[in-house]
Amino acid sequence: MANINLGLDNKELYEGCEIGEVGGRTTLLTSPTEASNIVGRNAQKIVDATPAEDRGEIVLTGPMAVWAYLIVFHVVVHKFGEVWYDDGRGNKVLVAKH
């Protein structure tokens, strides 16, 4: 099962984005408009690097804004047999199955 952590600590997903600290919290400083393109391209690279035999299921997890989940979901939905969401509290939800 593959996994994409959408949290800002995922350097591979946010490569090319500016991340900094504001008020003691890690924050995406790149505008969502610009970041959405960067995250989409990076998510595609992650999917492309996943061997076909490992594309049965993918879990999307990590603290991030809804727009990032929508971008990554769009990239993975037709590349994996099942797409799951894990809220990090032990709740997994199947969101797409082909």
C-alpha atoms as a PDB file:
ATOM      1  CA  MET A   1       0.000   0.000   0.000  1.00  0.00           C
ATOM      2  CA  ALA A   2       1.341   3.389  -1.011  1.00  0.00           C
ATOM      3  CA  ASN A   3       1.020   6.441   1.181  1.00  0.00           C
ATOM      4  CA  ILE A   4       1.240  10.187   0.537  1.00  0.00           C
ATOM      5  CA  ASN A   5       1.576  12.403   3.580  1.00  0.00           C
ATOM      6  CA  LEU A   6       0.175  15.797   2.637  1.00  0.00           C
ATOM      7  CA  GLY A   7       1.689  17.431   5.722  1.00  0.00           C
ATOM      8  CA  LEU A   8       4.230  20.181   5.125  1.00  0.00           C
ATOM      9  CA  ASP A   9       6.974  17.881   6.401  1.00  0.00           C
ATOM     10  CA  ASN A  10       6.768  15.945   3.107  1.00  0.00           C
ATOM     11  CA  LYS A  11       9.727  17.567   1.369  1.00  0.00           C
ATOM     12  CA  GLU A  12       9.173  15.596  -1.852  1.00  0.00           C
ATOM     13  CA  LEU A  13       5.585  16.849  -2.258  1.00  0.00           C
ATOM     14  CA  TYR A  14       6.392  20.490  -1.460  1.00  0.00           C
ATOM     15  CA  GLU A  15       9.752  20.718  -3.263  1.00  0.00           C
ATOM     16  CA  GLY A  16       9.802  24.140  -4.901  1.00  0.00           C
ATOM     17  CA  CYS A  17       7.422  25.699  -2.367  1.00  0.00           C
ATOM     18  CA  GLU A  18       8.502  28.081   0.355  1.00  0.00           C
ATOM     19  CA  ILE A  19       7.742  26.801   3.827  1.00  0.00           C
ATOM     20  CA  GLY A  20       8.478  28.826   6.942  1.00  0.00           C
ATOM     21  CA  GLU A  21       7.425  29.458  10.489  1.00  0.00           C
ATOM     22  CA  VAL A  22       4.741  31.963  11.410  1.00  0.00           C
ATOM     23  CA  GLY A  23       3.613  32.333  15.000  1.00  0.00           C
ATOM     24  CA  GLY A  24       5.525  29.223  15.984  1.00  0.00           C
ATOM     25  CA  ARG A  25       3.809  27.026  13.384  1.00  0.00           C
ATOM     26  CA  THR A  26       5.108  25.607  10.127  1.00  0.00           C
ATOM     27  CA  THR A  27       3.278  27.362   7.292  1.00  0.00           C
ATOM     28  CA  LEU A  28       3.174  27.247   3.521  1.00  0.00           C
ATOM     29  CA  LEU A  29       4.363  30.683   2.400  1.00  0.00           C
ATOM     30  CA  THR A  30       3.906  30.074  -1.328  1.00  0.00           C
ATOM     31  CA  SER A  31       0.466  31.225  -2.467  1.00  0.00           C
ATOM     32  CA  PRO A  32      -2.078  28.414  -2.877  1.00  0.00           C
ATOM     33  CA  THR A  33      -2.465  29.308  -6.566  1.00  0.00           C
ATOM     34  CA  GLU A  34       1.239  28.811  -7.241  1.00  0.00           C
ATOM     35  CA  ALA A  35       1.611  25.929  -4.776  1.00  0.00           C
ATOM     36  CA  SER A  36      -1.254  23.988  -6.356  1.00  0.00           C
ATOM     37  CA  ASN A  37       0.689  23.698  -9.614  1.00  0.00           C
ATOM     38  CA  ILE A  38       3.894  22.738  -7.827  1.00  0.00           C
ATOM     39  CA  VAL A  39       2.164  20.154  -5.613  1.00  0.00           C
ATOM     40  CA  GLY A  40       0.353  18.693  -8.624  1.00  0.00           C
ATOM     41  CA  ARG A  41       3.594  18.246 -10.559  1.00  0.00           C
ATOM     42  CA  ASN A  42       5.349  16.769  -7.526  1.00  0.00           C
ATOM     43  CA  ALA A  43       2.461  14.378  -6.830  1.00  0.00           C
ATOM     44  CA  GLN A  44       2.668  13.203 -10.436  1.00  0.00           C
ATOM     45  CA  LYS A  45       6.402  12.499  -9.979  1.00  0.00           C
ATOM     46  CA  ILE A  46       5.615  10.474  -6.835  1.00  0.00           C
ATOM     47  CA  VAL A  47       2.992   8.442  -8.708  1.00  0.00           C
ATOM     48  CA  ASP A  48       5.289   7.922 -11.696  1.00  0.00           C
ATOM     49  CA  ALA A  49       7.983   6.578  -9.344  1.00  0.00           C
ATOM     50  CA  THR A  50       5.541   4.044  -7.845  1.00  0.00           C
ATOM     51  CA  PRO A  51       5.811   0.695  -9.643  1.00  0.00           C
ATOM     52  CA  ALA A  52       2.563  -0.483 -11.284  1.00  0.00           C
ATOM     53  CA  GLU A  53       2.440  -3.563  -9.030  1.00  0.00           C
ATOM     54  CA  ASP A  54       2.365  -1.245  -5.975  1.00  0.00           C
ATOM     55  CA  ARG A  55      -0.621   0.764  -7.186  1.00  0.00           C
ATOM     56  CA  GLY A  56      -3.406  -1.288  -5.643  1.00  0.00           C
ATOM     57  CA  GLU A  57      -4.110   1.131  -2.800  1.00  0.00           C
ATOM     58  CA  ILE A  58      -2.962   4.562  -1.741  1.00  0.00           C
ATOM     59  CA  VAL A  59      -3.617   6.381   1.516  1.00  0.00           C
ATOM     60  CA  LEU A  60      -3.736  10.185   1.666  1.00  0.00           C
ATOM     61  CA  THR A  61      -3.004  11.519   5.123  1.00  0.00           C
ATOM     62  CA  GLY A  62      -1.466  14.431   6.998  1.00  0.00           C
ATOM     63  CA  PRO A  63      -2.559  17.889   8.097  1.00  0.00           C
ATOM     64  CA  MET A  64      -3.092  20.187   5.123  1.00  0.00           C
ATOM     65  CA  ALA A  65      -5.697  22.385   3.467  1.00  0.00           C
ATOM     66  CA  VAL A  66      -8.482  20.829   1.436  1.00  0.00           C
ATOM     67  CA  TRP A  67      -7.143  22.272  -1.833  1.00  0.00           C
ATOM     68  CA  ALA A  68      -3.985  20.167  -1.503  1.00  0.00           C
ATOM     69  CA  TYR A  69      -6.039  17.008  -0.960  1.00  0.00           C
ATOM     70  CA  LEU A  70      -8.108  17.805  -4.052  1.00  0.00           C
ATOM     71  CA  ILE A  71      -4.996  18.331  -6.173  1.00  0.00           C
ATOM     72  CA  VAL A  72      -3.344  15.086  -5.028  1.00  0.00           C
ATOM     73  CA  PHE A  73      -6.614  13.121  -5.265  1.00  0.00           C
ATOM     74  CA  HIS A  74      -6.982  14.255  -8.878  1.00  0.00           C
ATOM     75  CA  VAL A  75      -3.481  12.946  -9.627  1.00  0.00           C
ATOM     76  CA  VAL A  76      -3.913   9.538  -7.943  1.00  0.00           C
ATOM     77  CA  VAL A  77      -7.564   8.612  -8.495  1.00  0.00           C
ATOM     78  CA  HIS A  78      -7.126   6.796 -11.831  1.00  0.00           C
ATOM     79  CA  LYS A  79      -3.623   5.493 -11.108  1.00  0.00           C
ATOM     80  CA  PHE A  80      -4.547   3.382  -8.048  1.00  0.00           C
ATOM     81  CA  GLY A  81      -7.275   0.788  -7.558  1.00  0.00           C
ATOM     82  CA  GLU A  82      -8.341   2.288  -4.238  1.00  0.00           C
ATOM     83  CA  VAL A  83      -7.828   5.715  -2.695  1.00  0.00           C
ATOM     84  CA  TRP A  84      -8.146   5.990   1.086  1.00  0.00           C
ATOM     85  CA  TYR A  85      -8.168   8.962   3.446  1.00  0.00           C
ATOM     86  CA  ASP A  86      -6.683   8.553   6.935  1.00  0.00           C
ATOM     87  CA  ASP A  87      -7.391  11.338   9.409  1.00  0.00           C
ATOM     88  CA  GLY A  88      -4.448  10.329  11.622  1.00  0.00           C
ATOM     89  CA  ARG A  89      -6.719   9.252  14.465  1.00  0.00           C
ATOM     90  CA  GLY A  90      -7.280   5.702  13.280  1.00  0.00           C
ATOM     91  CA  ASN A  91     -10.173   6.519  10.950  1.00  0.00           C
ATOM     92  CA  LYS A  92      -9.634   5.360   7.363  1.00  0.00           C
ATOM     93  CA  VAL A  93     -12.257   6.053   4.737  1.00  0.00           C
ATOM     94  CA  LEU A  94     -12.365   4.572   1.231  1.00  0.00           C
ATOM     95  CA  VAL A  95     -12.955   7.530  -1.103  1.00  0.00           C
ATOM     96  CA  ALA A  96     -12.533   5.896  -4.534  1.00  0.00           C
ATOM     97  CA  LYS A  97     -12.401   2.351  -5.892  1.00  0.00           C
ATOM     98  CA  HIS A  98     -12.044   1.179  -9.489  1.00  0.00           C
END
